[in-house]
Amino acid sequence: MNTEELLTKLAECVEFGKVNKAAPFPPAMKGQDGADELAKLAVEMGIKPTDILNEALILAMDKVGDKFTQKKIFVPQMLIAAKAMNAAMAHLVPFFKSGEVKRKGTFIIGTVAGDLHDIGKNLVAMIVEGAGWEVIDLGVDVSAAKFKKCIQDNPTAIVGLSALLTTTMQSMQKIAAEIKAEFPDIKLIVGGAPVTDDFSKEIGATGYSSDPQGAVTLLNSLVA
């Protein structure tokens, strides 16, 4: 298997959620090497880590994000693709730590205080990480103080606020105001089922996305 074939196969494993050889899903790839084995082989073959990331992992997760946006796949397929991506990314961790592979930036994300929903937030975090970003996921019910502490530790990060309930949009507005008051130059993006572009502008956010792939596009534009 040459470099191009290996990267193509690795991308397919991530796109379709083939985590490793033992994984039974997808049935059409049963018994074949998965993202774990192929990423390990790619590193052992001396393929540049940046090529593994850009030409296989990011490429695959872009396709996954697009298919999710177009409703060609749903949450379970998205989650299994993210699991395959994480299995492959584990082999690149030493290169991130050494600085040989650079992240596009740091993205802090959390569901705002008073809201315990995490599926949408988790999907965004997975797709953004798969797009080459370092993601710091603060979880759910996140206070302004917790966001601000994380920003202090990561001053160049972009922050994402998520809310799934109309009742917690007020919390999002309050938290956004507190963050902007202390960090006026922060880039802040928002999303969630009840959130709109108009609401985003009303609370002074930098941008809004209605889906994970849109969040990636927005983030990439902010560091271009």
Protein backbone atom coordinates (compact mmCIF):
# COMPACT_ATOMS: atom_id res chain seq x y z
CA MET A 1 0.00 0.00 0.00
CA ASN A 2 1.53 3.32 -1.04
CA THR A 3 1.12 6.64 0.79
CA GLU A 4 -1.85 7.85 -1.24
CA GLU A 5 -3.70 4.54 -0.90
CA LEU A 6 -3.06 4.41 2.84
CA LEU A 7 -4.31 7.95 3.46
CA THR A 8 -7.38 7.31 1.32
CA LYS A 9 -8.16 4.14 3.26
CA LEU A 10 -7.60 5.90 6.58
CA ALA A 11 -9.98 8.68 5.54
CA GLU A 12 -12.61 6.10 4.60
CA CYS A 13 -12.28 4.42 8.00
CA VAL A 14 -12.87 7.72 9.78
CA GLU A 15 -15.71 8.77 7.49
CA PHE A 16 -17.59 5.49 7.93
CA GLY A 17 -16.66 4.85 11.56
CA LYS A 18 -14.30 1.88 11.31
CA VAL A 19 -12.50 2.35 14.62
CA ASN A 20 -10.21 -0.68 14.59
CA LYS A 21 -9.92 -4.19 13.19
CA ALA A 22 -12.01 -5.70 15.98
CA ALA A 23 -14.89 -3.26 15.46
CA PRO A 24 -17.94 -4.91 13.81
CA PHE A 25 -19.13 -1.60 12.35
CA PRO A 26 -19.59 -0.89 9.52
CA PRO A 27 -20.48 -4.45 8.41
CA ALA A 28 -18.98 -3.92 4.94
CA MET A 29 -15.54 -3.34 6.54
CA LYS A 30 -15.71 -6.17 9.10
CA GLY A 31 -12.32 -7.82 9.68
CA GLN A 32 -10.41 -5.02 7.98
CA ASP A 33 -7.88 -2.74 9.65
CA GLY A 34 -9.50 0.39 11.07
CA ALA A 35 -8.45 3.95 11.79
CA ASP A 36 -6.32 2.85 14.75
CA GLU A 37 -4.18 0.38 12.82
CA LEU A 38 -3.91 2.50 9.67
CA ALA A 39 -2.87 5.66 11.51
CA LYS A 40 -0.21 3.65 13.36
CA LEU A 41 1.01 2.21 10.05
CA ALA A 42 1.10 5.68 8.48
CA VAL A 43 3.33 6.97 11.28
CA GLU A 44 5.58 3.89 11.03
CA MET A 45 5.90 4.40 7.26
CA GLY A 46 7.20 7.89 7.89
CA ILE A 47 4.25 9.72 6.35
CA LYS A 48 4.32 13.33 7.54
CA PRO A 49 1.98 13.81 10.51
CA THR A 50 0.63 16.96 8.85
CA ASP A 51 -0.31 14.88 5.80
CA ILE A 52 -2.04 12.30 7.98
CA LEU A 53 -3.99 15.08 9.65
CA ASN A 54 -4.85 17.18 6.59
CA GLU A 55 -5.18 14.57 3.85
CA ALA A 56 -6.99 11.91 5.84
CA LEU A 57 -8.47 12.95 9.20
CA ILE A 58 -9.59 16.52 8.49
CA LEU A 59 -10.73 15.54 4.99
CA ALA A 60 -12.87 12.73 6.42
CA MET A 61 -14.41 14.81 9.20
CA ASP A 62 -15.25 17.57 6.71
CA LYS A 63 -17.24 14.99 4.75
CA VAL A 64 -18.91 13.76 7.93
CA GLY A 65 -19.85 17.31 8.91
CA ASP A 66 -21.25 18.05 5.46
CA LYS A 67 -23.32 14.86 5.43
CA PHE A 68 -24.70 15.66 8.89
CA THR A 69 -25.63 19.18 7.78
CA GLN A 70 -27.42 17.73 4.74
CA LYS A 71 -29.17 15.16 6.99
CA LYS A 72 -27.60 12.28 5.07
CA ILE A 73 -26.32 10.89 8.38
CA PHE A 74 -27.49 11.36 11.96
CA VAL A 75 -26.08 11.56 15.49
CA PRO A 76 -25.10 7.85 15.86
CA GLN A 77 -23.05 7.89 12.63
CA MET A 78 -21.46 11.19 13.66
CA LEU A 79 -20.45 9.75 17.03
CA ILE A 80 -18.90 6.59 15.58
CA ALA A 81 -16.96 8.64 13.03
CA ALA A 82 -15.66 10.82 15.84
CA LYS A 83 -14.62 7.70 17.75
CA ALA A 84 -12.63 6.51 14.71
CA MET A 85 -11.08 9.94 14.36
CA ASN A 86 -10.02 9.93 18.02
CA ALA A 87 -8.44 6.48 17.60
CA ALA A 88 -6.34 7.82 14.72
CA MET A 89 -5.54 11.12 16.44
CA ALA A 90 -4.07 9.25 19.40
CA HIS A 91 -1.10 8.35 17.19
CA LEU A 92 -0.48 12.02 16.42
CA VAL A 93 -0.46 13.24 20.03
CA PRO A 94 3.38 13.09 20.33
CA PHE A 95 3.69 15.32 17.26
CA PHE A 96 1.25 17.86 18.68
CA LYS A 97 3.20 17.91 21.94
CA SER A 98 6.53 18.36 20.17
CA GLY A 99 5.16 21.18 18.04
CA GLU A 100 5.82 19.35 14.78
CA VAL A 101 2.10 19.49 14.02
CA LYS A 102 0.38 22.78 14.76
CA ARG A 103 -3.24 23.17 15.74
CA LYS A 104 -5.26 25.84 13.95
CA GLY A 105 -6.10 27.37 17.30
CA THR A 106 -7.78 26.70 20.64
CA PHE A 107 -11.55 26.50 21.03
CA ILE A 108 -13.19 26.66 24.46
CA ILE A 109 -16.76 25.34 24.45
CA GLY A 110 -19.42 24.79 27.07
CA THR A 111 -23.17 24.66 27.62
CA VAL A 112 -24.17 27.74 29.61
CA ALA A 113 -25.20 27.79 33.26
CA GLY A 114 -28.65 26.36 33.91
CA ASP A 115 -28.59 24.09 30.85
CA LEU A 116 -27.60 20.42 31.14
CA HIS A 117 -27.89 19.43 27.47
CA ASP A 118 -24.69 18.28 25.85
CA ILE A 119 -25.37 16.33 22.62
CA GLY A 120 -25.21 19.36 20.31
CA LYS A 121 -22.22 20.77 22.17
CA ASN A 122 -20.45 17.40 21.99
CA LEU A 123 -21.02 17.11 18.24
CA VAL A 124 -19.59 20.57 17.65
CA ALA A 125 -16.57 19.76 19.83
CA MET A 126 -15.90 16.53 17.92
CA ILE A 127 -16.18 18.09 14.47
CA VAL A 128 -14.06 21.10 15.46
CA GLU A 129 -11.35 18.85 16.89
CA GLY A 130 -11.46 16.74 13.75
CA ALA A 131 -10.90 19.94 11.77
CA GLY A 132 -7.52 20.43 13.43
CA TRP A 133 -8.35 22.55 16.48
CA GLU A 134 -7.44 22.00 20.12
CA VAL A 135 -10.76 21.77 21.95
CA ILE A 136 -11.26 22.49 25.64
CA ASP A 137 -14.72 21.19 26.55
CA LEU A 138 -15.93 22.66 29.85
CA GLY A 139 -19.06 20.48 29.87
CA VAL A 140 -22.54 21.63 30.85
CA ASP A 141 -23.98 24.17 33.31
CA VAL A 142 -20.85 26.31 32.87
CA SER A 143 -20.73 29.60 34.77
CA ALA A 144 -19.24 32.86 33.52
CA ALA A 145 -16.50 32.48 36.14
CA LYS A 146 -15.47 29.09 34.72
CA PHE A 147 -15.38 30.43 31.17
CA LYS A 148 -13.32 33.45 32.30
CA LYS A 149 -10.82 31.30 34.21
CA CYS A 150 -10.29 29.15 31.13
CA ILE A 151 -9.83 32.25 28.95
CA GLN A 152 -7.22 33.55 31.39
CA ASP A 153 -5.33 30.27 30.96
CA ASN A 154 -5.79 30.32 27.15
CA PRO A 155 -5.84 34.00 26.17
CA THR A 156 -5.77 33.43 22.40
CA ALA A 157 -8.69 30.98 22.42
CA ILE A 158 -12.02 31.45 20.70
CA VAL A 159 -15.03 30.74 22.94
CA GLY A 160 -18.22 28.88 22.04
CA LEU A 161 -21.41 29.16 24.12
CA SER A 162 -24.17 26.57 23.66
CA ALA A 163 -27.79 26.56 24.85
CA LEU A 164 -30.65 24.21 24.01
CA LEU A 165 -33.46 25.88 25.94
CA THR A 166 -35.13 29.23 25.33
CA THR A 167 -35.03 29.74 29.09
CA THR A 168 -31.22 29.51 29.14
CA MET A 169 -30.74 32.02 26.33
CA GLN A 170 -30.91 34.68 29.07
CA SER A 171 -28.04 32.88 30.80
CA MET A 172 -26.11 32.90 27.51
CA GLN A 173 -26.68 36.66 27.18
CA LYS A 174 -25.52 37.31 30.75
CA ILE A 175 -22.43 35.12 30.39
CA ALA A 176 -21.52 36.71 27.05
CA ALA A 177 -21.77 40.16 28.63
CA GLU A 178 -19.55 39.16 31.57
CA ILE A 179 -16.94 37.63 29.28
CA LYS A 180 -16.92 40.65 26.95
CA ALA A 181 -16.65 43.04 29.90
CA GLU A 182 -13.43 41.39 31.07
CA PHE A 183 -12.10 40.35 27.65
CA PRO A 184 -13.41 42.96 25.17
CA ASP A 185 -11.38 41.57 22.26
CA ILE A 186 -12.46 37.94 22.73
CA LYS A 187 -13.94 36.14 19.74
CA LEU A 188 -17.19 34.60 20.90
CA ILE A 189 -19.45 32.31 18.88
CA VAL A 190 -22.84 30.93 19.88
CA GLY A 191 -25.18 28.14 18.86
CA GLY A 192 -27.95 25.82 19.93
CA ALA A 193 -31.50 24.96 18.92
CA PRO A 194 -33.23 28.22 20.00
CA VAL A 195 -30.31 30.52 19.11
CA THR A 196 -30.50 32.67 15.98
CA ASP A 197 -28.19 34.96 14.07
CA ASP A 198 -30.24 37.96 15.23
CA PHE A 199 -29.86 36.89 18.87
CA SER A 200 -26.13 36.44 18.30
CA LYS A 201 -25.85 40.03 17.08
CA GLU A 202 -28.06 41.27 19.91
CA ILE A 203 -25.71 39.91 22.58
CA GLY A 204 -22.56 41.07 20.80
CA ALA A 205 -21.22 37.67 19.75
CA THR A 206 -18.67 37.46 16.96
CA GLY A 207 -20.72 34.92 15.06
CA TYR A 208 -23.35 32.19 15.05
CA SER A 209 -23.68 28.72 13.58
CA SER A 210 -26.68 26.43 13.38
CA ASP A 211 -24.65 23.23 12.86
CA PRO A 212 -21.20 21.72 13.59
CA GLN A 213 -19.77 22.14 10.10
CA GLY A 214 -20.85 25.77 10.10
CA ALA A 215 -18.96 26.24 13.36
CA VAL A 216 -15.80 24.88 11.70
CA THR A 217 -16.21 27.23 8.75
CA LEU A 218 -16.75 30.16 11.11
CA LEU A 219 -13.75 29.29 13.27
CA ASN A 220 -11.48 28.85 10.27
CA SER A 221 -12.55 32.26 8.96
CA LEU A 222 -11.66 33.88 12.28
CA VAL A 223 -8.04 32.73 12.09
CA ALA A 224 -7.57 33.10 8.33
